[in-house]
Amino acid sequence: MDLKEVAYKIDLSLATIGRHLKDFDQQKLTQLIPLQGREITLLGKNYISETEREIERFEIESIVMLVSNH
């Protein structure tokens, strides 16, 4: 899938995606590899893992709240 297809699927312009990618580079979450593209850094992988854990906690808390209200 190329960048245009991704942009279409997530309803963002290519310029917006480019700005986000540059932001990720500045935050050291990704690294631009000349002539190859970007790779996710160790810091980026840790950020993704922590975000996944937070989402999982939120989902569990939401289920518990739904169950406890019935």
N, C-alpha and C. Protein backbone atom coordinates (compact mmCIF):
# COMPACT_ATOMS: atom_id res chain seq x y z
N MET A 1 0.85 -1.17 0.00
CA MET A 1 0.00 0.00 0.00
C MET A 1 0.90 1.23 0.00
N ASP A 2 0.66 2.13 -0.93
CA ASP A 2 1.49 3.33 -0.97
C ASP A 2 0.87 4.44 -0.12
N LEU A 3 1.60 5.54 -0.01
CA LEU A 3 1.19 6.63 0.89
C LEU A 3 -0.14 7.25 0.47
N LYS A 4 -0.39 7.34 -0.83
CA LYS A 4 -1.66 7.90 -1.29
C LYS A 4 -2.83 7.04 -0.84
N GLU A 5 -2.67 5.72 -0.90
CA GLU A 5 -3.74 4.82 -0.45
C GLU A 5 -3.96 4.95 1.05
N VAL A 6 -2.88 5.05 1.80
CA VAL A 6 -3.00 5.24 3.25
C VAL A 6 -3.71 6.55 3.55
N ALA A 7 -3.31 7.61 2.88
CA ALA A 7 -3.93 8.92 3.09
C ALA A 7 -5.43 8.85 2.81
N TYR A 8 -5.79 8.18 1.75
CA TYR A 8 -7.21 8.06 1.41
C TYR A 8 -7.96 7.27 2.48
N LYS A 9 -7.38 6.16 2.91
CA LYS A 9 -8.06 5.30 3.89
C LYS A 9 -8.27 6.00 5.23
N ILE A 10 -7.32 6.84 5.65
CA ILE A 10 -7.45 7.49 6.95
C ILE A 10 -7.94 8.94 6.81
N ASP A 11 -8.30 9.32 5.60
CA ASP A 11 -8.90 10.62 5.32
C ASP A 11 -8.01 11.79 5.77
N LEU A 12 -6.73 11.71 5.39
CA LEU A 12 -5.78 12.81 5.63
C LEU A 12 -5.08 13.14 4.33
N SER A 13 -4.65 14.38 4.20
CA SER A 13 -3.90 14.77 3.00
C SER A 13 -2.46 14.27 3.12
N LEU A 14 -1.79 14.16 1.97
CA LEU A 14 -0.39 13.76 1.97
C LEU A 14 0.46 14.77 2.75
N ALA A 15 0.12 16.05 2.65
CA ALA A 15 0.88 17.08 3.38
C ALA A 15 0.75 16.89 4.88
N THR A 16 -0.45 16.56 5.34
CA THR A 16 -0.67 16.34 6.78
C THR A 16 0.12 15.13 7.25
N ILE A 17 0.09 14.06 6.47
CA ILE A 17 0.86 12.87 6.84
C ILE A 17 2.34 13.20 6.88
N GLY A 18 2.82 13.96 5.91
CA GLY A 18 4.23 14.36 5.90
C GLY A 18 4.61 15.14 7.14
N ARG A 19 3.73 16.05 7.57
CA ARG A 19 4.01 16.82 8.79
C ARG A 19 4.07 15.91 10.01
N HIS A 20 3.15 14.95 10.09
CA HIS A 20 3.17 14.01 11.22
C HIS A 20 4.45 13.18 11.22
N LEU A 21 4.86 12.72 10.05
CA LEU A 21 6.09 11.94 9.97
C LEU A 21 7.30 12.76 10.42
N LYS A 22 7.36 14.02 10.02
CA LYS A 22 8.46 14.89 10.47
C LYS A 22 8.41 15.10 11.98
N ASP A 23 7.19 15.25 12.51
CA ASP A 23 7.04 15.37 13.97
C ASP A 23 7.56 14.11 14.66
N PHE A 24 7.23 12.94 14.12
CA PHE A 24 7.72 11.68 14.71
C PHE A 24 9.24 11.63 14.67
N ASP A 25 9.83 12.09 13.57
CA ASP A 25 11.29 12.13 13.47
C ASP A 25 11.87 13.05 14.55
N GLN A 26 11.28 14.23 14.73
CA GLN A 26 11.77 15.19 15.73
C GLN A 26 11.66 14.63 17.14
N GLN A 27 10.61 13.83 17.38
CA GLN A 27 10.42 13.22 18.70
C GLN A 27 11.25 11.95 18.86
N LYS A 28 12.01 11.59 17.83
CA LYS A 28 12.87 10.39 17.82
C LYS A 28 12.04 9.10 17.86
N LEU A 29 10.78 9.17 17.42
CA LEU A 29 9.94 7.97 17.36
C LEU A 29 10.20 7.20 16.07
N THR A 30 10.60 7.93 15.03
CA THR A 30 10.99 7.32 13.76
C THR A 30 12.31 7.94 13.33
N GLN A 31 12.94 7.28 12.37
CA GLN A 31 14.21 7.77 11.84
C GLN A 31 14.16 7.65 10.33
N LEU A 32 14.49 8.74 9.64
CA LEU A 32 14.53 8.74 8.19
C LEU A 32 15.81 8.08 7.72
N ILE A 33 15.67 7.06 6.90
CA ILE A 33 16.81 6.35 6.33
C ILE A 33 16.91 6.80 4.86
N PRO A 34 17.97 7.51 4.49
CA PRO A 34 18.07 8.02 3.12
C PRO A 34 17.89 6.92 2.07
N LEU A 35 17.10 7.23 1.07
CA LEU A 35 16.81 6.35 -0.07
C LEU A 35 16.04 5.08 0.30
N GLN A 36 15.58 4.96 1.56
CA GLN A 36 14.87 3.75 1.98
C GLN A 36 13.51 4.05 2.61
N GLY A 37 13.40 5.15 3.30
CA GLY A 37 12.16 5.48 3.99
C GLY A 37 12.42 5.71 5.46
N ARG A 38 11.45 5.37 6.27
CA ARG A 38 11.58 5.56 7.72
C ARG A 38 11.50 4.22 8.42
N GLU A 39 12.13 4.20 9.60
CA GLU A 39 11.97 3.04 10.47
C GLU A 39 11.57 3.53 11.84
N ILE A 40 10.88 2.67 12.55
CA ILE A 40 10.47 3.00 13.92
C ILE A 40 11.67 2.74 14.83
N THR A 41 12.00 3.72 15.65
CA THR A 41 13.12 3.58 16.58
C THR A 41 12.70 2.77 17.80
N LEU A 42 13.65 2.43 18.63
CA LEU A 42 13.35 1.73 19.88
C LEU A 42 12.41 2.58 20.73
N LEU A 43 12.66 3.88 20.79
CA LEU A 43 11.78 4.78 21.52
C LEU A 43 10.36 4.73 20.94
N GLY A 44 10.27 4.68 19.62
CA GLY A 44 8.97 4.59 18.95
C GLY A 44 8.26 3.28 19.27
N LYS A 45 9.01 2.19 19.28
CA LYS A 45 8.43 0.88 19.61
C LYS A 45 7.93 0.87 21.06
N ASN A 46 8.70 1.47 21.95
CA ASN A 46 8.27 1.57 23.35
C ASN A 46 7.01 2.43 23.48
N TYR A 47 6.95 3.50 22.72
CA TYR A 47 5.78 4.38 22.73
C TYR A 47 4.55 3.62 22.25
N ILE A 48 4.70 2.85 21.19
CA ILE A 48 3.59 2.04 20.67
C ILE A 48 3.14 1.02 21.72
N SER A 49 4.09 0.34 22.35
CA SER A 49 3.74 -0.65 23.37
C SER A 49 2.98 -0.02 24.53
N GLU A 50 3.46 1.12 25.00
CA GLU A 50 2.79 1.80 26.12
C GLU A 50 1.39 2.26 25.71
N THR A 51 1.27 2.77 24.50
CA THR A 51 -0.04 3.21 24.01
C THR A 51 -1.00 2.02 23.91
N GLU A 52 -0.51 0.89 23.43
CA GLU A 52 -1.35 -0.32 23.37
C GLU A 52 -1.82 -0.74 24.75
N ARG A 53 -0.92 -0.67 25.75
CA ARG A 53 -1.30 -1.02 27.12
C ARG A 53 -2.35 -0.06 27.67
N GLU A 54 -2.19 1.22 27.39
CA GLU A 54 -3.17 2.20 27.84
C GLU A 54 -4.54 1.96 27.21
N ILE A 55 -4.56 1.63 25.93
CA ILE A 55 -5.82 1.33 25.25
C ILE A 55 -6.47 0.10 25.86
N GLU A 56 -5.67 -0.92 26.12
CA GLU A 56 -6.19 -2.15 26.73
C GLU A 56 -6.77 -1.88 28.12
N ARG A 57 -6.06 -1.07 28.92
CA ARG A 57 -6.57 -0.70 30.25
C ARG A 57 -7.89 0.05 30.14
N PHE A 58 -7.96 0.97 29.20
CA PHE A 58 -9.18 1.74 29.00
C PHE A 58 -10.34 0.81 28.61
N GLU A 59 -10.08 -0.13 27.71
CA GLU A 59 -11.12 -1.06 27.28
C GLU A 59 -11.60 -1.91 28.45
N ILE A 60 -10.67 -2.39 29.26
CA ILE A 60 -11.04 -3.21 30.41
C ILE A 60 -11.85 -2.38 31.41
N GLU A 61 -11.40 -1.16 31.68
CA GLU A 61 -12.13 -0.29 32.61
C GLU A 61 -13.54 -0.01 32.08
N SER A 62 -13.68 0.18 30.79
CA SER A 62 -14.99 0.43 30.19
C SER A 62 -15.91 -0.77 30.36
N ILE A 63 -15.37 -1.97 30.17
CA ILE A 63 -16.16 -3.19 30.34
C ILE A 63 -16.59 -3.35 31.78
N VAL A 64 -15.66 -3.12 32.70
CA VAL A 64 -15.97 -3.24 34.13
C VAL A 64 -17.06 -2.24 34.51
N MET A 65 -16.98 -1.03 34.00
CA MET A 65 -18.00 -0.03 34.32
C MET A 65 -19.37 -0.44 33.76
N LEU A 66 -19.38 -0.98 32.56
CA LEU A 66 -20.65 -1.43 31.97
C LEU A 66 -21.26 -2.56 32.78
N VAL A 67 -20.42 -3.52 33.16
CA VAL A 67 -20.91 -4.67 33.92
C VAL A 67 -21.38 -4.24 35.31
N SER A 68 -20.65 -3.33 35.93
CA SER A 68 -21.02 -2.92 37.30
C SER A 68 -22.28 -2.06 37.32
N ASN A 69 -22.64 -1.46 36.21
CA ASN A 69 -23.85 -0.65 36.13
C ASN A 69 -25.09 -1.47 35.84
N HIS A 70 -24.95 -2.74 35.63
CA HIS A 70 -26.12 -3.59 35.34
C HIS A 70 -26.47 -4.45 36.50
